[in-house]
Amino acid sequence: MPHTMLFSCLMLAATAVAGHETGTASVVGVVFSGEDAVTLPSVTVCAEGSEKCVVSDGTGNFEIAAVPREGRVILTAEFSGFGSAEFSVLVSQGKTCEVVLVLNNISTIIDCLWTGHGLTDTTYGVLGNVVDSARHPVGHAAVQVRARDGKVVWRGHTDRKGRSRVSGFPFGINVLEVNKRPYAAQTTTFSAHYCDPQAELTIPLAKACD
């Protein structure tokens, strides 16, 4: 009888552990600077719905061991001098997702000293470089820009090299949205202003976990 009870307890424990392993996903990745493509250490990365945050190591790599949900998850990355950014990833139970996070060091209006020249004649734009988790270009992705009020001010697609040159949108805060199946949709907020009228952004896309 005692042996039977012990065996039953061990089986229940094993079942609970197996359920925990298959009921969560892991996210591993690396953080790069969008300006010069160098890896960034000491970046704080958190997963939505998880109480645990991690810090990228000396080579920019990080791992979040247990993401307690399936489907679209938001990762936030924060680094001194770069501010914070959000990234969408698609996770599956029991799978490990490999992602690339890119922080774009874009100056803000607050940091910018206006000299009072050329503001009314400036055409604001942005060059978007869309890449996958291996940093390969993603061509023919749908790109659009929304102004602060949510109005779409530009629509287009990346070329075969993953580039999209957007122009003609208003001064101030704008949102760049990128969509391409089977990747998770991605959004990037940036400032269009006189100190950086033609900003350059790198936007990483992530597929569902294999």
N, C-alpha and C. Protein backbone atom coordinates (compact mmCIF):
# COMPACT_ATOMS: atom_id res chain seq x y z
N MET A 1 0.82 -1.21 0.00
CA MET A 1 0.00 0.00 0.00
C MET A 1 0.85 1.26 0.00
N PRO A 2 1.85 1.36 0.91
CA PRO A 2 2.69 2.56 0.89
C PRO A 2 3.39 2.75 -0.44
N HIS A 3 3.86 1.63 -1.05
CA HIS A 3 4.55 1.73 -2.34
C HIS A 3 3.60 2.24 -3.43
N THR A 4 2.34 1.78 -3.35
CA THR A 4 1.35 2.22 -4.34
C THR A 4 1.08 3.71 -4.21
N MET A 5 0.96 4.20 -2.96
CA MET A 5 0.73 5.62 -2.72
C MET A 5 1.91 6.46 -3.20
N LEU A 6 3.14 5.97 -2.92
CA LEU A 6 4.34 6.69 -3.34
C LEU A 6 4.40 6.78 -4.86
N PHE A 7 4.10 5.68 -5.55
CA PHE A 7 4.11 5.67 -7.01
C PHE A 7 3.08 6.65 -7.57
N SER A 8 1.89 6.67 -6.95
CA SER A 8 0.84 7.58 -7.40
C SER A 8 1.26 9.03 -7.24
N CYS A 9 1.91 9.35 -6.11
CA CYS A 9 2.37 10.71 -5.86
C CYS A 9 3.42 11.13 -6.87
N LEU A 10 4.35 10.21 -7.17
CA LEU A 10 5.39 10.51 -8.15
C LEU A 10 4.79 10.76 -9.53
N MET A 11 3.78 9.97 -9.91
CA MET A 11 3.14 10.15 -11.21
C MET A 11 2.43 11.50 -11.28
N LEU A 12 1.77 11.91 -10.20
CA LEU A 12 1.09 13.20 -10.18
C LEU A 12 2.09 14.34 -10.29
N ALA A 13 3.22 14.21 -9.59
CA ALA A 13 4.25 15.25 -9.65
C ALA A 13 4.82 15.37 -11.05
N ALA A 14 5.08 14.21 -11.68
CA ALA A 14 5.64 14.22 -13.04
C ALA A 14 4.66 14.85 -14.01
N THR A 15 3.37 14.55 -13.83
CA THR A 15 2.35 15.14 -14.70
C THR A 15 2.29 16.64 -14.54
N ALA A 16 2.42 17.13 -13.30
CA ALA A 16 2.37 18.57 -13.04
C ALA A 16 3.55 19.27 -13.68
N VAL A 17 4.76 18.65 -13.56
CA VAL A 17 5.95 19.24 -14.15
C VAL A 17 5.83 19.29 -15.67
N ALA A 18 5.36 18.17 -16.26
CA ALA A 18 5.20 18.13 -17.71
C ALA A 18 4.21 19.17 -18.18
N GLY A 19 3.13 19.37 -17.43
CA GLY A 19 2.14 20.37 -17.81
C GLY A 19 2.72 21.76 -17.74
N HIS A 20 3.58 22.02 -16.73
CA HIS A 20 4.21 23.33 -16.61
C HIS A 20 5.12 23.59 -17.79
N GLU A 21 5.88 22.56 -18.22
CA GLU A 21 6.84 22.74 -19.31
C GLU A 21 6.12 22.98 -20.63
N THR A 22 5.00 22.24 -20.85
CA THR A 22 4.31 22.38 -22.13
C THR A 22 3.36 23.57 -22.13
N GLY A 23 3.04 24.10 -20.93
CA GLY A 23 2.10 25.21 -20.84
C GLY A 23 2.75 26.57 -20.93
N THR A 24 4.08 26.63 -21.05
CA THR A 24 4.76 27.90 -21.14
C THR A 24 5.68 27.91 -22.35
N ALA A 25 6.11 29.10 -22.73
CA ALA A 25 7.05 29.25 -23.83
C ALA A 25 8.27 29.99 -23.32
N SER A 26 9.39 29.83 -24.03
CA SER A 26 10.62 30.55 -23.71
C SER A 26 10.95 31.49 -24.85
N VAL A 27 11.54 32.62 -24.49
CA VAL A 27 11.97 33.58 -25.49
C VAL A 27 13.46 33.86 -25.30
N VAL A 28 14.23 33.62 -26.34
CA VAL A 28 15.66 33.94 -26.32
C VAL A 28 15.93 34.93 -27.45
N GLY A 29 16.89 35.80 -27.25
CA GLY A 29 17.16 36.78 -28.29
C GLY A 29 18.39 37.60 -28.03
N VAL A 30 18.57 38.60 -28.87
CA VAL A 30 19.71 39.49 -28.76
C VAL A 30 19.24 40.90 -29.07
N VAL A 31 19.85 41.89 -28.42
CA VAL A 31 19.47 43.28 -28.60
C VAL A 31 20.58 44.01 -29.35
N PHE A 32 20.19 44.72 -30.42
CA PHE A 32 21.13 45.47 -31.24
C PHE A 32 20.79 46.96 -31.22
N SER A 33 21.79 47.76 -31.52
CA SER A 33 21.58 49.17 -31.80
C SER A 33 21.19 49.32 -33.26
N GLY A 34 20.11 50.03 -33.55
CA GLY A 34 19.68 50.22 -34.92
C GLY A 34 20.59 51.14 -35.70
N GLU A 35 21.40 51.93 -34.99
CA GLU A 35 22.26 52.92 -35.65
C GLU A 35 23.51 52.29 -36.25
N ASP A 36 24.17 51.40 -35.48
CA ASP A 36 25.43 50.83 -35.97
C ASP A 36 25.48 49.31 -35.88
N ALA A 37 24.35 48.67 -35.54
CA ALA A 37 24.22 47.20 -35.52
C ALA A 37 25.12 46.52 -34.49
N VAL A 38 25.59 47.22 -33.46
CA VAL A 38 26.36 46.58 -32.40
C VAL A 38 25.39 46.04 -31.36
N THR A 39 25.80 44.97 -30.67
CA THR A 39 24.95 44.41 -29.62
C THR A 39 24.98 45.31 -28.39
N LEU A 40 23.87 45.29 -27.65
CA LEU A 40 23.73 46.17 -26.49
C LEU A 40 23.62 45.35 -25.21
N PRO A 41 24.59 45.46 -24.30
CA PRO A 41 24.49 44.80 -23.00
C PRO A 41 23.65 45.63 -22.03
N SER A 42 23.24 45.00 -20.95
CA SER A 42 22.56 45.70 -19.84
C SER A 42 21.22 46.31 -20.24
N VAL A 43 20.56 45.72 -21.24
CA VAL A 43 19.21 46.17 -21.62
C VAL A 43 18.20 45.36 -20.80
N THR A 44 17.26 46.04 -20.18
CA THR A 44 16.22 45.37 -19.40
C THR A 44 15.09 44.95 -20.33
N VAL A 45 14.78 43.65 -20.35
CA VAL A 45 13.74 43.10 -21.23
C VAL A 45 12.68 42.42 -20.37
N CYS A 46 11.42 42.77 -20.59
CA CYS A 46 10.31 42.20 -19.84
C CYS A 46 9.26 41.65 -20.81
N ALA A 47 8.56 40.60 -20.37
CA ALA A 47 7.47 40.03 -21.17
C ALA A 47 6.15 40.38 -20.52
N GLU A 48 5.21 40.82 -21.32
CA GLU A 48 3.88 41.15 -20.83
C GLU A 48 3.25 39.91 -20.19
N GLY A 49 2.68 40.08 -19.02
CA GLY A 49 2.06 38.97 -18.32
C GLY A 49 3.01 38.16 -17.47
N SER A 50 4.29 38.54 -17.46
CA SER A 50 5.29 37.85 -16.65
C SER A 50 5.84 38.81 -15.61
N GLU A 51 6.00 38.34 -14.40
CA GLU A 51 6.55 39.19 -13.34
C GLU A 51 8.07 39.28 -13.43
N LYS A 52 8.66 38.49 -14.29
CA LYS A 52 10.11 38.42 -14.36
C LYS A 52 10.66 39.25 -15.51
N CYS A 53 11.64 40.07 -15.21
CA CYS A 53 12.39 40.80 -16.22
C CYS A 53 13.83 40.30 -16.20
N VAL A 54 14.48 40.39 -17.35
CA VAL A 54 15.88 39.95 -17.44
C VAL A 54 16.71 41.10 -18.01
N VAL A 55 18.03 40.96 -17.89
CA VAL A 55 18.96 41.95 -18.41
C VAL A 55 19.88 41.27 -19.42
N SER A 56 20.05 41.87 -20.59
CA SER A 56 20.93 41.27 -21.61
C SER A 56 22.36 41.21 -21.11
N ASP A 57 23.09 40.16 -21.51
CA ASP A 57 24.46 39.98 -21.04
C ASP A 57 25.44 40.84 -21.83
N GLY A 58 26.73 40.58 -21.66
CA GLY A 58 27.76 41.39 -22.30
C GLY A 58 27.76 41.33 -23.81
N THR A 59 27.10 40.31 -24.38
CA THR A 59 27.02 40.20 -25.84
C THR A 59 25.63 40.54 -26.36
N GLY A 60 24.78 41.11 -25.50
CA GLY A 60 23.44 41.51 -25.91
C GLY A 60 22.40 40.42 -25.87
N ASN A 61 22.77 39.20 -25.44
CA ASN A 61 21.84 38.08 -25.43
C ASN A 61 21.01 38.05 -24.14
N PHE A 62 19.79 37.53 -24.25
CA PHE A 62 18.91 37.40 -23.09
C PHE A 62 18.02 36.18 -23.25
N GLU A 63 17.43 35.74 -22.15
CA GLU A 63 16.48 34.63 -22.18
C GLU A 63 15.43 34.86 -21.11
N ILE A 64 14.18 34.75 -21.51
CA ILE A 64 13.06 34.75 -20.57
C ILE A 64 12.54 33.32 -20.56
N ALA A 65 12.77 32.62 -19.45
CA ALA A 65 12.60 31.17 -19.41
C ALA A 65 11.15 30.71 -19.47
N ALA A 66 10.22 31.50 -18.94
CA ALA A 66 8.83 31.03 -18.91
C ALA A 66 7.89 32.19 -19.20
N VAL A 67 7.25 32.14 -20.35
CA VAL A 67 6.24 33.13 -20.72
C VAL A 67 4.88 32.45 -20.57
N PRO A 68 4.09 32.84 -19.57
CA PRO A 68 2.87 32.10 -19.22
C PRO A 68 1.66 32.39 -20.10
N ARG A 69 1.84 32.38 -21.42
CA ARG A 69 0.71 32.58 -22.31
C ARG A 69 1.09 32.13 -23.71
N GLU A 70 0.11 32.04 -24.58
CA GLU A 70 0.34 31.63 -25.97
C GLU A 70 -0.22 32.70 -26.90
N GLY A 71 0.39 32.86 -28.06
CA GLY A 71 -0.06 33.85 -29.02
C GLY A 71 0.82 35.08 -29.02
N ARG A 72 0.22 36.24 -29.21
CA ARG A 72 0.96 37.49 -29.32
C ARG A 72 1.35 38.01 -27.94
N VAL A 73 2.64 38.22 -27.74
CA VAL A 73 3.17 38.73 -26.47
C VAL A 73 4.00 39.97 -26.75
N ILE A 74 3.86 40.97 -25.90
CA ILE A 74 4.63 42.20 -26.04
C ILE A 74 5.88 42.13 -25.17
N LEU A 75 7.04 42.33 -25.79
CA LEU A 75 8.29 42.47 -25.06
C LEU A 75 8.63 43.95 -24.97
N THR A 76 9.03 44.40 -23.80
CA THR A 76 9.50 45.77 -23.65
C THR A 76 11.00 45.74 -23.38
N ALA A 77 11.72 46.63 -24.02
CA ALA A 77 13.17 46.73 -23.84
C ALA A 77 13.50 48.17 -23.47
N GLU A 78 14.34 48.34 -22.45
CA GLU A 78 14.70 49.67 -21.97
C GLU A 78 16.19 49.76 -21.73
N PHE A 79 16.77 50.84 -22.22
CA PHE A 79 18.22 51.01 -22.11
C PHE A 79 18.54 52.50 -21.99
N SER A 80 19.43 52.84 -21.10
CA SER A 80 19.78 54.24 -20.86
C SER A 80 20.31 54.88 -22.14
N GLY A 81 19.77 56.04 -22.49
CA GLY A 81 20.20 56.74 -23.69
C GLY A 81 19.38 56.40 -24.91
N PHE A 82 18.65 55.27 -24.86
CA PHE A 82 17.81 54.84 -25.98
C PHE A 82 16.33 54.91 -25.64
N GLY A 83 16.02 55.06 -24.36
CA GLY A 83 14.62 55.04 -23.96
C GLY A 83 14.09 53.62 -23.96
N SER A 84 12.79 53.46 -24.15
CA SER A 84 12.17 52.13 -24.14
C SER A 84 11.45 51.89 -25.46
N ALA A 85 11.23 50.62 -25.79
CA ALA A 85 10.55 50.24 -27.02
C ALA A 85 9.78 48.95 -26.77
N GLU A 86 8.73 48.73 -27.56
CA GLU A 86 7.92 47.52 -27.47
C GLU A 86 8.05 46.71 -28.75
N PHE A 87 8.03 45.37 -28.59
CA PHE A 87 8.15 44.47 -29.73
C PHE A 87 7.12 43.36 -29.58
N SER A 88 6.47 42.98 -30.69
CA SER A 88 5.50 41.89 -30.68
C SER A 88 6.18 40.58 -31.09
N VAL A 89 5.91 39.51 -30.36
CA VAL A 89 6.40 38.19 -30.73
C VAL A 89 5.23 37.21 -30.65
N LEU A 90 5.31 36.13 -31.43
CA LEU A 90 4.29 35.09 -31.42
C LEU A 90 4.85 33.86 -30.73
N VAL A 91 4.28 33.49 -29.60
CA VAL A 91 4.81 32.37 -28.83
C VAL A 91 3.84 31.20 -28.87
N SER A 92 4.40 29.98 -28.73
CA SER A 92 3.62 28.75 -28.71
C SER A 92 4.02 27.95 -27.48
N GLN A 93 3.05 27.26 -26.90
CA GLN A 93 3.30 26.47 -25.69
C GLN A 93 4.37 25.42 -25.94
N GLY A 94 5.31 25.34 -25.00
CA GLY A 94 6.36 24.34 -25.08
C GLY A 94 7.43 24.63 -26.11
N LYS A 95 7.41 25.80 -26.73
CA LYS A 95 8.37 26.15 -27.78
C LYS A 95 9.30 27.26 -27.30
N THR A 96 10.45 27.36 -27.97
CA THR A 96 11.41 28.43 -27.71
C THR A 96 11.43 29.37 -28.90
N CYS A 97 11.18 30.64 -28.64
CA CYS A 97 11.16 31.65 -29.70
C CYS A 97 12.51 32.37 -29.75
N GLU A 98 13.03 32.56 -30.96
CA GLU A 98 14.26 33.32 -31.14
C GLU A 98 13.89 34.66 -31.77
N VAL A 99 14.30 35.75 -31.12
CA VAL A 99 13.92 37.08 -31.59
C VAL A 99 15.13 38.00 -31.62
N VAL A 100 15.01 39.05 -32.39
CA VAL A 100 15.99 40.13 -32.41
C VAL A 100 15.26 41.41 -32.02
N LEU A 101 15.80 42.14 -31.07
CA LEU A 101 15.25 43.42 -30.67
C LEU A 101 16.22 44.52 -31.11
N VAL A 102 15.69 45.55 -31.71
CA VAL A 102 16.53 46.66 -32.18
C VAL A 102 16.07 47.94 -31.52
N LEU A 103 16.98 48.60 -30.83
CA LEU A 103 16.69 49.89 -30.22
C LEU A 103 17.26 50.99 -31.11
N ASN A 104 16.40 51.92 -31.49
CA ASN A 104 16.81 53.02 -32.36
C ASN A 104 17.06 54.26 -31.52
N ASN A 105 18.27 54.76 -31.57
CA ASN A 105 18.65 55.94 -30.78
C ASN A 105 18.24 57.20 -31.54
N ILE A 106 16.96 57.55 -31.43
CA ILE A 106 16.41 58.70 -32.14
C ILE A 106 16.27 59.87 -31.17
N SER A 107 16.80 61.02 -31.55
CA SER A 107 16.68 62.20 -30.69
C SER A 107 15.23 62.65 -30.62
N THR A 108 14.84 63.23 -29.49
CA THR A 108 13.47 63.68 -29.30
C THR A 108 13.39 65.19 -29.45
N ILE A 109 12.17 65.68 -29.57
CA ILE A 109 11.97 67.12 -29.70
C ILE A 109 12.50 67.84 -28.46
N ILE A 110 12.33 67.23 -27.29
CA ILE A 110 12.80 67.85 -26.05
C ILE A 110 14.30 68.03 -26.06
N ASP A 111 15.03 67.04 -26.64
CA ASP A 111 16.49 67.10 -26.68
C ASP A 111 17.00 68.03 -27.78
N CYS A 112 16.12 68.54 -28.61
CA CYS A 112 16.52 69.26 -29.81
C CYS A 112 16.41 70.77 -29.60
N LEU A 113 17.44 71.49 -29.98
CA LEU A 113 17.44 72.94 -29.89
C LEU A 113 17.12 73.53 -31.26
N TRP A 114 15.97 74.18 -31.37
CA TRP A 114 15.54 74.74 -32.64
C TRP A 114 16.20 76.10 -32.85
N THR A 115 16.80 76.28 -34.02
CA THR A 115 17.45 77.55 -34.35
C THR A 115 16.48 78.52 -35.00
N GLY A 116 15.28 78.04 -35.36
CA GLY A 116 14.27 78.92 -35.95
C GLY A 116 14.36 79.03 -37.45
N HIS A 117 15.19 78.19 -38.10
CA HIS A 117 15.37 78.29 -39.54
C HIS A 117 14.88 77.01 -40.22
N GLY A 118 14.15 77.18 -41.30
CA GLY A 118 13.83 76.05 -42.18
C GLY A 118 12.70 75.16 -41.73
N LEU A 119 12.02 75.48 -40.63
CA LEU A 119 10.98 74.59 -40.13
C LEU A 119 9.81 74.47 -41.11
N THR A 120 9.35 75.59 -41.66
CA THR A 120 8.18 75.55 -42.53
C THR A 120 8.47 74.89 -43.88
N ASP A 121 9.76 74.83 -44.27
CA ASP A 121 10.12 74.25 -45.56
C ASP A 121 10.54 72.79 -45.46
N THR A 122 10.54 72.23 -44.24
CA THR A 122 11.05 70.88 -44.05
C THR A 122 9.98 69.84 -44.36
N THR A 123 10.37 68.82 -45.14
CA THR A 123 9.51 67.66 -45.37
C THR A 123 9.99 66.54 -44.47
N TYR A 124 9.12 66.10 -43.58
CA TYR A 124 9.53 65.09 -42.61
C TYR A 124 9.36 63.70 -43.19
N GLY A 125 10.34 62.84 -42.91
CA GLY A 125 10.30 61.50 -43.45
C GLY A 125 11.08 60.52 -42.57
N VAL A 126 11.06 59.27 -42.97
CA VAL A 126 11.79 58.24 -42.24
C VAL A 126 12.16 57.13 -43.22
N LEU A 127 13.35 56.57 -43.05
CA LEU A 127 13.78 55.41 -43.81
C LEU A 127 13.67 54.19 -42.91
N GLY A 128 12.76 53.28 -43.27
CA GLY A 128 12.58 52.07 -42.47
C GLY A 128 13.30 50.89 -43.10
N ASN A 129 14.06 50.18 -42.28
CA ASN A 129 14.74 48.94 -42.71
C ASN A 129 14.10 47.79 -41.95
N VAL A 130 13.38 46.92 -42.65
CA VAL A 130 12.65 45.82 -42.01
C VAL A 130 13.46 44.54 -42.15
N VAL A 131 13.70 43.86 -41.02
CA VAL A 131 14.53 42.65 -41.00
C VAL A 131 13.82 41.55 -40.23
N ASP A 132 14.28 40.29 -40.43
CA ASP A 132 13.74 39.17 -39.65
C ASP A 132 14.66 38.88 -38.48
N SER A 133 14.40 37.77 -37.77
CA SER A 133 15.18 37.46 -36.57
C SER A 133 16.63 37.12 -36.86
N ALA A 134 16.95 36.83 -38.12
CA ALA A 134 18.34 36.60 -38.51
C ALA A 134 18.96 37.85 -39.14
N ARG A 135 18.23 38.96 -39.06
CA ARG A 135 18.63 40.25 -39.61
C ARG A 135 18.73 40.23 -41.14
N HIS A 136 17.94 39.36 -41.77
CA HIS A 136 17.82 39.37 -43.22
C HIS A 136 16.69 40.32 -43.61
N PRO A 137 16.81 41.04 -44.72
CA PRO A 137 15.76 41.98 -45.11
C PRO A 137 14.44 41.28 -45.43
N VAL A 138 13.34 41.92 -45.08
CA VAL A 138 12.00 41.39 -45.35
C VAL A 138 11.36 42.29 -46.41
N GLY A 139 11.27 41.79 -47.63
CA GLY A 139 10.72 42.56 -48.72
C GLY A 139 9.20 42.48 -48.80
N HIS A 140 8.60 43.47 -49.44
CA HIS A 140 7.16 43.51 -49.72
C HIS A 140 6.30 43.46 -48.46
N ALA A 141 6.81 44.05 -47.38
CA ALA A 141 6.01 44.18 -46.16
C ALA A 141 5.17 45.45 -46.25
N ALA A 142 3.95 45.39 -45.73
CA ALA A 142 3.07 46.56 -45.73
C ALA A 142 3.50 47.53 -44.64
N VAL A 143 3.64 48.80 -45.00
CA VAL A 143 4.10 49.83 -44.07
C VAL A 143 3.10 50.98 -44.09
N GLN A 144 2.75 51.49 -42.91
CA GLN A 144 1.95 52.70 -42.86
C GLN A 144 2.36 53.54 -41.65
N VAL A 145 2.11 54.84 -41.75
CA VAL A 145 2.44 55.78 -40.68
C VAL A 145 1.15 56.42 -40.19
N ARG A 146 1.00 56.44 -38.85
CA ARG A 146 -0.13 57.11 -38.23
C ARG A 146 0.36 58.34 -37.47
N ALA A 147 -0.38 59.44 -37.59
CA ALA A 147 -0.07 60.63 -36.82
C ALA A 147 -0.55 60.44 -35.38
N ARG A 148 -0.27 61.41 -34.57
CA ARG A 148 -0.61 61.31 -33.15
C ARG A 148 -2.11 61.12 -32.92
N ASP A 149 -2.95 61.66 -33.82
CA ASP A 149 -4.40 61.53 -33.66
C ASP A 149 -4.94 60.22 -34.20
N GLY A 150 -4.04 59.33 -34.67
CA GLY A 150 -4.46 58.03 -35.18
C GLY A 150 -4.73 58.00 -36.67
N LYS A 151 -4.73 59.14 -37.32
CA LYS A 151 -4.99 59.20 -38.75
C LYS A 151 -3.82 58.64 -39.55
N VAL A 152 -4.12 57.79 -40.55
CA VAL A 152 -3.09 57.24 -41.42
C VAL A 152 -2.65 58.33 -42.40
N VAL A 153 -1.35 58.65 -42.39
CA VAL A 153 -0.84 59.72 -43.25
C VAL A 153 0.04 59.20 -44.37
N TRP A 154 0.35 57.90 -44.35
CA TRP A 154 1.17 57.32 -45.44
C TRP A 154 0.98 55.81 -45.45
N ARG A 155 0.90 55.24 -46.67
CA ARG A 155 0.84 53.79 -46.84
C ARG A 155 1.79 53.38 -47.96
N GLY A 156 2.39 52.20 -47.83
CA GLY A 156 3.26 51.71 -48.88
C GLY A 156 3.81 50.34 -48.53
N HIS A 157 4.89 49.92 -49.21
CA HIS A 157 5.51 48.62 -48.98
C HIS A 157 7.03 48.76 -49.01
N THR A 158 7.69 47.81 -48.35
CA THR A 158 9.15 47.75 -48.45
C THR A 158 9.53 47.20 -49.83
N ASP A 159 10.73 47.56 -50.29
CA ASP A 159 11.23 46.98 -51.53
C ASP A 159 11.82 45.60 -51.24
N ARG A 160 12.43 44.98 -52.25
CA ARG A 160 12.94 43.61 -52.06
C ARG A 160 14.10 43.55 -51.07
N LYS A 161 14.71 44.70 -50.77
CA LYS A 161 15.79 44.76 -49.78
C LYS A 161 15.30 45.17 -48.40
N GLY A 162 13.97 45.19 -48.23
CA GLY A 162 13.40 45.48 -46.92
C GLY A 162 13.37 46.95 -46.56
N ARG A 163 13.57 47.84 -47.53
CA ARG A 163 13.63 49.27 -47.24
C ARG A 163 12.35 49.97 -47.68
N SER A 164 11.99 50.99 -46.92
CA SER A 164 10.82 51.80 -47.26
C SER A 164 11.12 53.24 -46.88
N ARG A 165 11.12 54.12 -47.87
CA ARG A 165 11.36 55.54 -47.61
C ARG A 165 10.01 56.25 -47.58
N VAL A 166 9.68 56.76 -46.39
CA VAL A 166 8.39 57.38 -46.15
C VAL A 166 8.60 58.88 -45.99
N SER A 167 7.70 59.68 -46.54
CA SER A 167 7.84 61.13 -46.40
C SER A 167 6.47 61.79 -46.45
N GLY A 168 6.45 63.07 -46.07
CA GLY A 168 5.23 63.86 -46.19
C GLY A 168 4.30 63.76 -45.01
N PHE A 169 4.80 63.38 -43.82
CA PHE A 169 3.92 63.32 -42.66
C PHE A 169 4.23 64.46 -41.69
N PRO A 170 3.34 64.71 -40.70
CA PRO A 170 3.45 65.93 -39.90
C PRO A 170 4.55 65.91 -38.85
N PHE A 171 4.94 67.11 -38.47
CA PHE A 171 5.88 67.34 -37.38
C PHE A 171 5.33 66.73 -36.09
N GLY A 172 6.20 66.11 -35.28
CA GLY A 172 5.78 65.59 -33.98
C GLY A 172 5.90 64.08 -33.89
N ILE A 173 5.11 63.50 -32.99
CA ILE A 173 5.16 62.06 -32.72
C ILE A 173 4.34 61.31 -33.76
N ASN A 174 4.94 60.29 -34.35
CA ASN A 174 4.26 59.44 -35.33
C ASN A 174 4.52 57.97 -35.00
N VAL A 175 3.69 57.10 -35.56
CA VAL A 175 3.82 55.66 -35.32
C VAL A 175 3.97 54.96 -36.66
N LEU A 176 5.04 54.17 -36.80
CA LEU A 176 5.29 53.37 -38.00
C LEU A 176 4.81 51.95 -37.74
N GLU A 177 3.91 51.45 -38.60
CA GLU A 177 3.36 50.10 -38.45
C GLU A 177 3.80 49.23 -39.62
N VAL A 178 4.24 48.01 -39.31
CA VAL A 178 4.71 47.07 -40.34
C VAL A 178 3.95 45.75 -40.21
N ASN A 179 3.44 45.24 -41.34
CA ASN A 179 2.72 43.97 -41.37
C ASN A 179 3.22 43.11 -42.51
N LYS A 180 3.50 41.84 -42.20
CA LYS A 180 3.89 40.88 -43.24
C LYS A 180 3.68 39.48 -42.69
N ARG A 181 2.79 38.72 -43.31
CA ARG A 181 2.61 37.33 -42.90
C ARG A 181 3.83 36.51 -43.27
N PRO A 182 4.23 35.54 -42.40
CA PRO A 182 3.61 35.08 -41.17
C PRO A 182 4.21 35.73 -39.91
N TYR A 183 4.71 36.95 -40.02
CA TYR A 183 5.33 37.62 -38.88
C TYR A 183 4.28 38.30 -38.01
N ALA A 184 4.68 38.59 -36.77
CA ALA A 184 3.83 39.39 -35.89
C ALA A 184 3.90 40.85 -36.33
N ALA A 185 2.76 41.54 -36.29
CA ALA A 185 2.74 42.97 -36.65
C ALA A 185 3.62 43.74 -35.68
N GLN A 186 4.27 44.78 -36.20
CA GLN A 186 5.20 45.55 -35.37
C GLN A 186 4.90 47.04 -35.48
N THR A 187 5.03 47.76 -34.38
CA THR A 187 4.85 49.21 -34.38
C THR A 187 6.06 49.87 -33.73
N THR A 188 6.46 51.02 -34.25
CA THR A 188 7.58 51.78 -33.71
C THR A 188 7.20 53.25 -33.66
N THR A 189 7.34 53.85 -32.49
CA THR A 189 7.05 55.27 -32.31
C THR A 189 8.32 56.09 -32.52
N PHE A 190 8.20 57.20 -33.24
CA PHE A 190 9.38 58.04 -33.48
C PHE A 190 8.95 59.50 -33.55
N SER A 191 9.93 60.39 -33.41
CA SER A 191 9.68 61.82 -33.46
C SER A 191 10.15 62.39 -34.79
N ALA A 192 9.28 63.13 -35.46
CA ALA A 192 9.66 63.83 -36.69
C ALA A 192 9.82 65.31 -36.33
N HIS A 193 11.04 65.81 -36.44
CA HIS A 193 11.28 67.20 -36.05
C HIS A 193 12.49 67.75 -36.77
N TYR A 194 12.74 69.03 -36.59
CA TYR A 194 13.72 69.77 -37.37
C TYR A 194 15.15 69.29 -37.17
N CYS A 195 15.48 68.66 -36.03
CA CYS A 195 16.85 68.19 -35.83
C CYS A 195 17.10 66.85 -36.52
N ASP A 196 16.04 66.12 -36.82
CA ASP A 196 16.19 64.82 -37.46
C ASP A 196 15.04 64.61 -38.44
N PRO A 197 14.96 65.42 -39.50
CA PRO A 197 13.80 65.38 -40.40
C PRO A 197 13.70 64.11 -41.23
N GLN A 198 14.81 63.37 -41.39
CA GLN A 198 14.80 62.13 -42.17
C GLN A 198 15.40 61.01 -41.33
N ALA A 199 14.67 60.61 -40.28
CA ALA A 199 15.17 59.59 -39.35
C ALA A 199 15.32 58.24 -40.05
N GLU A 200 16.18 57.38 -39.50
CA GLU A 200 16.35 56.03 -40.02
C GLU A 200 16.05 55.03 -38.91
N LEU A 201 15.15 54.10 -39.17
CA LEU A 201 14.73 53.11 -38.18
C LEU A 201 14.98 51.70 -38.71
N THR A 202 15.34 50.79 -37.82
CA THR A 202 15.39 49.37 -38.15
C THR A 202 14.27 48.67 -37.40
N ILE A 203 13.41 47.97 -38.11
CA ILE A 203 12.24 47.34 -37.51
C ILE A 203 12.36 45.83 -37.65
N PRO A 204 12.53 45.09 -36.54
CA PRO A 204 12.64 43.63 -36.62
C PRO A 204 11.28 42.96 -36.56
N LEU A 205 11.07 41.92 -37.36
CA LEU A 205 9.84 41.12 -37.34
C LEU A 205 10.16 39.73 -36.80
N ALA A 206 9.21 39.16 -36.10
CA ALA A 206 9.38 37.83 -35.52
C ALA A 206 8.29 36.89 -35.99
N LYS A 207 8.66 35.67 -36.43
CA LYS A 207 7.70 34.65 -36.81
C LYS A 207 7.24 33.90 -35.56
N ALA A 208 6.20 33.08 -35.74
CA ALA A 208 5.77 32.20 -34.66
C ALA A 208 6.87 31.20 -34.35
N CYS A 209 6.89 30.72 -33.11
CA CYS A 209 7.94 29.78 -32.69
C CYS A 209 7.84 28.49 -33.47
N ASP A 210 9.02 27.92 -33.78
CA ASP A 210 9.07 26.62 -34.45
C ASP A 210 9.02 25.51 -33.43
